[in-house]
Each structure stands twice: as structure tokens, then as C-alpha cells.
C-alpha atoms as a PDB file:
ATOM      1  CA  UNK A   1     -90.580  46.620  89.006  1.00  0.00           C
ATOM      2  CA  UNK A   2     -93.828  45.231  87.584  1.00  0.00           C
ATOM      3  CA  UNK A   3     -96.162  42.781  89.285  1.00  0.00           C
ATOM      4  CA  UNK A   4     -95.132  39.935  86.984  1.00  0.00           C
ATOM      5  CA  UNK A   5     -91.475  40.232  88.031  1.00  0.00           C
ATOM      6  CA  UNK A   6     -92.434  40.359  91.719  1.00  0.00           C
ATOM      7  CA  UNK A   7     -94.554  37.214  91.398  1.00  0.00           C
ATOM      8  CA  UNK A   8     -91.776  35.469  89.469  1.00  0.00           C
ATOM      9  CA  UNK A   9     -89.254  36.310  92.187  1.00  0.00           C
ATOM     10  CA  UNK A  10     -91.637  35.051  94.844  1.00  0.00           C
ATOM     11  CA  UNK A  11     -92.409  31.782  93.087  1.00  0.00           C
ATOM     12  CA  UNK A  12     -88.851  30.901  92.074  1.00  0.00           C
ATOM     13  CA  UNK A  13     -86.748  32.338  94.898  1.00  0.00           C
ATOM     14  CA  UNK A  14     -88.652  33.710  97.873  1.00  0.00           C
ATOM     15  CA  UNK A  15     -91.376  31.097  98.353  1.00  0.00           C
ATOM     16  CA  UNK A  16     -88.944  28.150  98.753  1.00  0.00           C
ATOM     17  CA  UNK A  17     -86.854  30.298 101.127  1.00  0.00           C
ATOM     18  CA  UNK A  18     -89.986  31.198 103.114  1.00  0.00           C
ATOM     19  CA  UNK A  19     -90.805  27.506 103.552  1.00  0.00           C
ATOM     20  CA  UNK A  20     -87.241  26.893 104.771  1.00  0.00           C
ATOM     21  CA  UNK A  21     -87.549  29.744 107.280  1.00  0.00           C
ATOM     22  CA  UNK A  22     -90.865  28.399 108.583  1.00  0.00           C
ATOM     23  CA  UNK A  23     -89.408  24.890 108.839  1.00  0.00           C
ATOM     24  CA  UNK A  24     -86.369  26.089 110.785  1.00  0.00           C
ATOM     25  CA  UNK A  25     -88.277  28.455 113.056  1.00  0.00           C
ATOM     26  CA  UNK A  26     -91.204  26.246 114.043  1.00  0.00           C
ATOM     27  CA  UNK A  27     -89.099  23.097 114.452  1.00  0.00           C
ATOM     28  CA  UNK A  28     -86.480  24.866 116.575  1.00  0.00           C
ATOM     29  CA  UNK A  29     -89.130  26.557 118.733  1.00  0.00           C
ATOM     30  CA  UNK A  30     -90.966  23.272 119.326  1.00  0.00           C
ATOM     31  CA  UNK A  31     -87.765  21.411 120.248  1.00  0.00           C
ATOM     32  CA  UNK A  32     -86.602  24.290 122.450  1.00  0.00           C
ATOM     33  CA  UNK A  33     -89.938  24.254 124.276  1.00  0.00           C
ATOM     34  CA  UNK A  34     -89.564  20.550 125.043  1.00  0.00           C
ATOM     35  CA  UNK A  35     -86.008  21.112 126.284  1.00  0.00           C
ATOM     36  CA  UNK A  36     -86.898  24.252 128.279  1.00  0.00           C
ATOM     37  CA  UNK A  37     -89.771  22.669 130.205  1.00  0.00           C
ATOM     38  CA  UNK A  38     -87.578  20.648 132.565  1.00  0.00           C
ATOM     39  CA  UNK A  39     -85.222  23.470 133.675  1.00  0.00           C
ATOM     40  CA  UNK A  40     -88.194  25.863 133.931  1.00  0.00           C
ATOM     41  CA  UNK A  41     -90.020  23.470 136.257  1.00  0.00           C
ATOM     42  CA  UNK A  42     -86.866  22.832 138.301  1.00  0.00           C
ATOM     43  CA  UNK A  43     -86.150  26.569 138.618  1.00  0.00           C
ATOM     44  CA  UNK A  44     -89.699  27.281 139.760  1.00  0.00           C
ATOM     45  CA  UNK A  45     -89.866  24.357 142.182  1.00  0.00           C
ATOM     46  CA  UNK A  46     -86.464  24.977 143.802  1.00  0.00           C
ATOM     47  CA  UNK A  47     -86.721  28.759 144.116  1.00  0.00           C
ATOM     48  CA  UNK A  48     -87.558  30.392 147.447  1.00  0.00           C
ATOM     49  CA  UNK A  49     -91.074  29.365 148.438  1.00  0.00           C
ATOM     50  CA  UNK A  50     -91.190  26.677 145.744  1.00  0.00           C
ATOM     51  CA  UNK A  51     -92.513  23.151 146.083  1.00  0.00           C
ATOM     52  CA  UNK A  52     -88.985  21.743 146.542  1.00  0.00           C
ATOM     53  CA  UNK A  53     -87.097  24.801 147.751  1.00  0.00           C
ATOM     54  CA  UNK A  54     -83.359  24.265 147.260  1.00  0.00           C
ATOM     55  CA  UNK A  55     -81.136  27.317 146.943  1.00  0.00           C
ATOM     56  CA  UNK A  56     -78.076  25.386 145.715  1.00  0.00           C
ATOM     57  CA  UNK A  57     -79.876  23.686 142.826  1.00  0.00           C
ATOM     58  CA  UNK A  58     -81.653  26.894 141.830  1.00  0.00           C
ATOM     59  CA  UNK A  59     -78.457  28.985 141.869  1.00  0.00           C
ATOM     60  CA  UNK A  60     -76.452  26.408 139.899  1.00  0.00           C
ATOM     61  CA  UNK A  61     -79.108  25.930 137.210  1.00  0.00           C
ATOM     62  CA  UNK A  62     -79.808  29.660 136.957  1.00  0.00           C
ATOM     63  CA  UNK A  63     -76.064  30.302 136.517  1.00  0.00           C
ATOM     64  CA  UNK A  64     -75.788  27.729 133.706  1.00  0.00           C
ATOM     65  CA  UNK A  65     -78.823  29.150 131.899  1.00  0.00           C
ATOM     66  CA  UNK A  66     -77.461  32.695 132.147  1.00  0.00           C
ATOM     67  CA  UNK A  67     -74.140  31.548 130.657  1.00  0.00           C
ATOM     68  CA  UNK A  68     -75.951  29.938 127.721  1.00  0.00           C
ATOM     69  CA  UNK A  69     -77.979  33.113 127.193  1.00  0.00           C
ATOM     70  CA  UNK A  70     -74.817  35.198 126.954  1.00  0.00           C
ATOM     71  CA  UNK A  71     -73.622  33.603 123.679  1.00  0.00           C
ATOM     72  CA  UNK A  72     -74.266  35.692 120.528  1.00  0.00           C
ATOM     73  CA  UNK A  73     -76.145  33.524 118.034  1.00  0.00           C
ATOM     74  CA  UNK A  74     -73.583  33.709 115.219  1.00  0.00           C
ATOM     75  CA  UNK A  75     -70.841  32.696 117.666  1.00  0.00           C
ATOM     76  CA  UNK A  76     -73.033  29.825 118.849  1.00  0.00           C
ATOM     77  CA  UNK A  77     -73.385  28.545 115.267  1.00  0.00           C
ATOM     78  CA  UNK A  78     -69.605  28.390 114.920  1.00  0.00           C
ATOM     79  CA  UNK A  79     -69.023  26.876 118.375  1.00  0.00           C
ATOM     80  CA  UNK A  80     -71.664  24.193 117.825  1.00  0.00           C
ATOM     81  CA  UNK A  81     -70.557  23.417 114.262  1.00  0.00           C
ATOM     82  CA  UNK A  82     -68.629  20.219 115.202  1.00  0.00           C
ATOM     83  CA  UNK A  83     -71.528  19.022 117.373  1.00  0.00           C
ATOM     84  CA  UNK A  84     -74.031  19.768 114.602  1.00  0.00           C
ATOM     85  CA  UNK A  85     -71.945  17.854 112.070  1.00  0.00           C
ATOM     86  CA  UNK A  86     -71.636  14.916 114.481  1.00  0.00           C
ATOM     87  CA  UNK A  87     -75.374  14.939 115.150  1.00  0.00           C
ATOM     88  CA  UNK A  88     -76.782  15.171 111.626  1.00  0.00           C
ATOM     89  CA  UNK A  89     -73.783  14.753 109.333  1.00  0.00           C
ATOM     90  CA  UNK A  90     -73.530  18.348 108.067  1.00  0.00           C
ATOM     91  CA  UNK A  91     -72.827  21.711 109.674  1.00  0.00           C
ATOM     92  CA  UNK A  92     -74.486  24.075 107.167  1.00  0.00           C
ATOM     93  CA  UNK A  93     -77.900  24.178 105.589  1.00  0.00           C
ATOM     94  CA  UNK A  94     -81.489  24.465 106.753  1.00  0.00           C
ATOM     95  CA  UNK A  95     -81.654  21.345 108.918  1.00  0.00           C
ATOM     96  CA  UNK A  96     -78.215  21.967 110.419  1.00  0.00           C
ATOM     97  CA  UNK A  97     -79.284  25.455 111.518  1.00  0.00           C
ATOM     98  CA  UNK A  98     -82.052  23.961 113.672  1.00  0.00           C
ATOM     99  CA  UNK A  99     -79.453  22.603 116.129  1.00  0.00           C
ATOM    100  CA  UNK A 100     -77.891  25.953 117.191  1.00  0.00           C
ATOM    101  CA  UNK A 101     -81.304  27.632 116.947  1.00  0.00           C
ATOM    102  CA  UNK A 102     -82.780  25.141 119.402  1.00  0.00           C
ATOM    103  CA  UNK A 103     -79.860  25.301 121.821  1.00  0.00           C
ATOM    104  CA  UNK A 104     -79.658  29.080 121.509  1.00  0.00           C
ATOM    105  CA  UNK A 105     -83.290  29.823 122.371  1.00  0.00           C
ATOM    106  CA  UNK A 106     -83.998  27.062 124.911  1.00  0.00           C
ATOM    107  CA  UNK A 107     -82.428  29.034 127.817  1.00  0.00           C
ATOM    108  CA  UNK A 108     -84.525  32.114 126.974  1.00  0.00           C
ATOM    109  CA  UNK A 109     -87.663  30.017 126.779  1.00  0.00           C
ATOM    110  CA  UNK A 110     -86.845  28.336 130.101  1.00  0.00           C
ATOM    111  CA  UNK A 111     -86.645  31.716 131.847  1.00  0.00           C
ATOM    112  CA  UNK A 112     -89.863  32.885 130.178  1.00  0.00           C
ATOM    113  CA  UNK A 113     -91.728  29.783 131.318  1.00  0.00           C
ATOM    114  CA  UNK A 114     -90.287  30.235 134.814  1.00  0.00           C
ATOM    115  CA  UNK A 115     -91.549  33.834 134.846  1.00  0.00           C
ATOM    116  CA  UNK A 116     -94.987  32.663 133.700  1.00  0.00           C
ATOM    117  CA  UNK A 117     -95.109  30.165 136.577  1.00  0.00           C
ATOM    118  CA  UNK A 118     -94.042  32.789 139.117  1.00  0.00           C
ATOM    119  CA  UNK A 119     -96.833  35.152 138.069  1.00  0.00           C
ATOM    120  CA  UNK A 120     -99.428  32.659 139.315  1.00  0.00           C
ATOM    121  CA  UNK A 121    -101.295  33.822 142.404  1.00  0.00           C
ATOM    122  CA  UNK A 122     -99.803  31.864 145.367  1.00  0.00           C
ATOM    123  CA  UNK A 123    -103.320  31.542 146.788  1.00  0.00           C
ATOM    124  CA  UNK A 124    -104.244  29.254 143.874  1.00  0.00           C
ATOM    125  CA  UNK A 125    -101.369  26.892 144.666  1.00  0.00           C
ATOM    126  CA  UNK A 126    -102.228  26.939 148.369  1.00  0.00           C
ATOM    127  CA  UNK A 127    -105.837  26.119 147.527  1.00  0.00           C
ATOM    128  CA  UNK A 128    -104.694  23.117 145.468  1.00  0.00           C
ATOM    129  CA  UNK A 129    -102.535  21.971 148.384  1.00  0.00           C
ATOM    130  CA  UNK A 130    -105.454  22.265 150.798  1.00  0.00           C
ATOM    131  CA  UNK A 131    -107.517  20.005 148.546  1.00  0.00           C
ATOM    132  CA  UNK A 132    -104.814  17.347 148.796  1.00  0.00           C
ATOM    133  CA  UNK A 133    -103.225  17.755 145.356  1.00  0.00           C
ATOM    134  CA  UNK A 134     -99.777  16.204 145.028  1.00  0.00           C
ATOM    135  CA  UNK A 135     -96.790  18.301 143.983  1.00  0.00           C
ATOM    136  CA  UNK A 136     -96.847  16.716 140.517  1.00  0.00           C
ATOM    137  CA  UNK A 137    -100.557  17.520 140.162  1.00  0.00           C
ATOM    138  CA  UNK A 138     -99.939  21.105 141.248  1.00  0.00           C
ATOM    139  CA  UNK A 139     -97.239  21.510 138.587  1.00  0.00           C
ATOM    140  CA  UNK A 140     -98.855  19.764 135.630  1.00  0.00           C
ATOM    141  CA  UNK A 141    -102.529  20.513 136.267  1.00  0.00           C
ATOM    142  CA  UNK A 142    -102.711  23.734 138.249  1.00  0.00           C
ATOM    143  CA  UNK A 143     -99.584  25.689 137.315  1.00  0.00           C
ATOM    144  CA  UNK A 144     -99.587  24.853 133.603  1.00  0.00           C
ATOM    145  CA  UNK A 145    -103.262  25.712 133.335  1.00  0.00           C
ATOM    146  CA  UNK A 146    -102.847  29.055 135.100  1.00  0.00           C
ATOM    147  CA  UNK A 147     -99.614  29.978 133.303  1.00  0.00           C
ATOM    148  CA  UNK A 148    -100.757  28.938 129.806  1.00  0.00           C
ATOM    149  CA  UNK A 149    -101.677  32.457 128.542  1.00  0.00           C
ATOM    150  CA  UNK A 150     -98.288  33.865 129.564  1.00  0.00           C
ATOM    151  CA  UNK A 151     -96.497  30.802 128.185  1.00  0.00           C
ATOM    152  CA  UNK A 152     -98.228  31.404 124.840  1.00  0.00           C
ATOM    153  CA  UNK A 153     -97.070  35.031 124.950  1.00  0.00           C
ATOM    154  CA  UNK A 154     -93.524  33.843 125.608  1.00  0.00           C
ATOM    155  CA  UNK A 155     -93.581  31.287 122.797  1.00  0.00           C
ATOM    156  CA  UNK A 156     -94.912  33.939 120.397  1.00  0.00           C
ATOM    157  CA  UNK A 157     -92.068  36.284 121.298  1.00  0.00           C
ATOM    158  CA  UNK A 158     -89.491  33.495 121.044  1.00  0.00           C
ATOM    159  CA  UNK A 159     -90.817  32.411 117.638  1.00  0.00           C
ATOM    160  CA  UNK A 160     -90.417  35.954 116.330  1.00  0.00           C
ATOM    161  CA  UNK A 161     -86.862  36.071 117.727  1.00  0.00           C
ATOM    162  CA  UNK A 162     -86.112  32.710 116.083  1.00  0.00           C
ATOM    163  CA  UNK A 163     -87.234  34.060 112.716  1.00  0.00           C
ATOM    164  CA  UNK A 164     -84.700  36.868 113.149  1.00  0.00           C
ATOM    165  CA  UNK A 165     -82.014  34.385 114.200  1.00  0.00           C
ATOM    166  CA  UNK A 166     -82.777  32.159 111.199  1.00  0.00           C
ATOM    167  CA  UNK A 167     -82.341  35.175 108.928  1.00  0.00           C
ATOM    168  CA  UNK A 168     -78.941  35.825 110.553  1.00  0.00           C
ATOM    169  CA  UNK A 169     -78.025  32.179 109.977  1.00  0.00           C
ATOM    170  CA  UNK A 170     -78.374  32.844 106.260  1.00  0.00           C
ATOM    171  CA  UNK A 171     -75.124  34.816 106.410  1.00  0.00           C
ATOM    172  CA  UNK A 172     -73.248  31.571 107.133  1.00  0.00           C
ATOM    173  CA  UNK A 173     -75.113  29.276 104.751  1.00  0.00           C
ATOM    174  CA  UNK A 174     -78.104  28.558 106.968  1.00  0.00           C
ATOM    175  CA  UNK A 175     -80.682  28.758 104.198  1.00  0.00           C
ATOM    176  CA  UNK A 176     -84.048  30.497 104.327  1.00  0.00           C
ATOM    177  CA  UNK A 177     -84.865  34.131 103.668  1.00  0.00           C
ATOM    178  CA  UNK A 178     -81.610  35.354 105.205  1.00  0.00           C
ATOM    179  CA  UNK A 179     -79.626  33.286 102.726  1.00  0.00           C
ATOM    180  CA  UNK A 180     -81.666  34.715  99.841  1.00  0.00           C
ATOM    181  CA  UNK A 181     -81.110  38.265 101.090  1.00  0.00           C
ATOM    182  CA  UNK A 182     -77.335  37.686 101.170  1.00  0.00           C
ATOM    183  CA  UNK A 183     -76.892  35.666  97.943  1.00  0.00           C
ATOM    184  CA  UNK A 184     -79.309  37.604  95.764  1.00  0.00           C
ATOM    185  CA  UNK A 185     -79.886  40.943  97.461  1.00  0.00           C
ATOM    186  CA  UNK A 186     -76.368  41.718  98.682  1.00  0.00           C
ATOM    187  CA  UNK A 187     -73.912  39.748  96.539  1.00  0.00           C
ATOM    188  CA  UNK A 188     -75.789  40.255  93.247  1.00  0.00           C
ATOM    189  CA  UNK A 189     -76.963  43.784  94.059  1.00  0.00           C
ATOM    190  CA  UNK A 190     -80.621  42.782  93.656  1.00  0.00           C
ATOM    191  CA  UNK A 191     -82.280  45.530  95.662  1.00  0.00           C
ATOM    192  CA  UNK A 192     -85.690  44.243  94.587  1.00  0.00           C
ATOM    193  CA  UNK A 193     -85.026  40.857  96.209  1.00  0.00           C
ATOM    194  CA  UNK A 194     -83.743  42.532  99.375  1.00  0.00           C
ATOM    195  CA  UNK A 195     -86.862  44.694  99.689  1.00  0.00           C
ATOM    196  CA  UNK A 196     -89.210  41.781  99.018  1.00  0.00           C
ATOM    197  CA  UNK A 197     -87.401  39.677 101.627  1.00  0.00           C
ATOM    198  CA  UNK A 198     -87.817  42.390 104.255  1.00  0.00           C
ATOM    199  CA  UNK A 199     -91.512  42.811 103.385  1.00  0.00           C
ATOM    200  CA  UNK A 200     -92.117  39.054 103.703  1.00  0.00           C
ATOM    201  CA  UNK A 201     -90.363  38.971 107.086  1.00  0.00           C
ATOM    202  CA  UNK A 202     -92.452  41.908 108.335  1.00  0.00           C
ATOM    203  CA  UNK A 203     -95.695  40.268 107.194  1.00  0.00           C
ATOM    204  CA  UNK A 204     -94.656  36.934 108.712  1.00  0.00           C
ATOM    205  CA  UNK A 205     -93.926  38.521 112.095  1.00  0.00           C
ATOM    206  CA  UNK A 206     -97.242  40.394 112.050  1.00  0.00           C
ATOM    207  CA  UNK A 207     -99.173  37.193 111.289  1.00  0.00           C
ATOM    208  CA  UNK A 208     -97.442  35.261 114.076  1.00  0.00           C
ATOM    209  CA  UNK A 209     -98.065  38.069 116.578  1.00  0.00           C
ATOM    210  CA  UNK A 210    -101.719  38.278 115.508  1.00  0.00           C
ATOM    211  CA  UNK A 211    -102.231  34.536 115.994  1.00  0.00           C
ATOM    212  CA  UNK A 212    -100.373  34.671 119.315  1.00  0.00           C
ATOM    213  CA  UNK A 213    -102.647  37.470 120.549  1.00  0.00           C
ATOM    214  CA  UNK A 214    -105.745  35.474 119.604  1.00  0.00           C
ATOM    215  CA  UNK A 215    -104.492  32.358 121.400  1.00  0.00           C
ATOM    216  CA  UNK A 216    -103.632  34.459 124.456  1.00  0.00           C
ATOM    217  CA  UNK A 217    -107.150  35.905 124.617  1.00  0.00           C
ATOM    218  CA  UNK A 218    -108.735  32.466 124.162  1.00  0.00           C
ATOM    219  CA  UNK A 219    -106.701  30.891 126.977  1.00  0.00           C
ATOM    220  CA  UNK A 220    -107.107  33.941 129.238  1.00  0.00           C
ATOM    221  CA  UNK A 221    -110.876  33.477 129.461  1.00  0.00           C
END
């Protein structure tokens, strides 16, 4: 295949699909982060030695999150199809895929944020307490500040996972690069499109990981 054909494929087919993948992935990750914050804080605060230690609340919430994490993503798309259609009016397409993506990754992100909080040196929290900081101040000023590098690492990993999930969603009409790989690469036997799709996904993941590493180093200082 010559360069002209590759550029034509990219401009007409792959570039629009890439934009759809970025739209789905970044939107779902952002929404999942907002959703995951509350359970992550509750898990951290109610765990043993936490600010509001409560074994019952921790066990119940941890159990629910683990159940949500056990659903395979393609099954989750099907299960949430009626809810997605009720929420936005359609159950397939790029925007519709954001709903199961968000719900599917929020539990993982909640556990990652919880882990980031738990890696904080307890001496730092005790020092904040000794200076008279309230529990809310400890959570939102001390813990978030200390956990930020690890939270960024977690978000980077989740974003890469979401890109893979969004590609899987293409098999059921989710749009994006996965949809292109199925409709053009598989169904029309366009090996060139399939290869170019894989290359774009690899490059995209490398760029996201590179940016994530830079942000981690900046916040770690």
C-alpha cells in the first residue's frame, strides 16, 4: 500500500473514528472519576484506622464495588442497554457507549483512588491532626495532595483500559476505532484498515502513558 492510500484511509475513515474514540474515552474517564471519588473517600475513611472507622459500611461498600467489577464489559453493555436508552434516548452509538464505559470503570477507579490514599504515610495524617486540621481538611487538603501522583498513575492506567473497552464496544455498534476495525477490517476483509487501526491504538496508548509519566514526575516533586 502506498502512502497516498494510507493518508486517504486516515482522513476519510480512521481520523473521524479516532476522534470518536478520544471523545468516548476521555468523557467516560472524567465522569467515572467524579463518580469514584465519593466511594473511594468513604472506603478510606471507614476502613480500619480511618477517620470514621466503620467496619459495616466499609464491608458493604467494598462488596458492592467488587460485584460491579466482576461484570465483563460486553455483558455490561447489554445489561445497561435499557438504562442507556432511557437516559439518552438511544442504546448504540458513540455517546451511548459512554454510559456503560463510565459505570464499568468507576468501581476500578474507586479502588485505585482508595489504594492511593492508603499509601500515604500515616505520620503525615497524624501531623495534620496535631495541628488541628478537621477531618474534611485532612481528606481534601492533605490526603489529595499526598496521593495525587498515584491518583494520576491510576487515571492513566484506567484511560488506557477505557480505550481498549471502547474498541470492544465497536463490536456492538459503539463507534470509534473498534467499529472501523470490525466494519472495514473484518467484514470487508480490509487488512490494511485493520493494521492501521492497531497502529493508531498503539501510538495513542504510548502517548497517553508518556503524558501520564510526565504528570506523575511533576506532581511527585
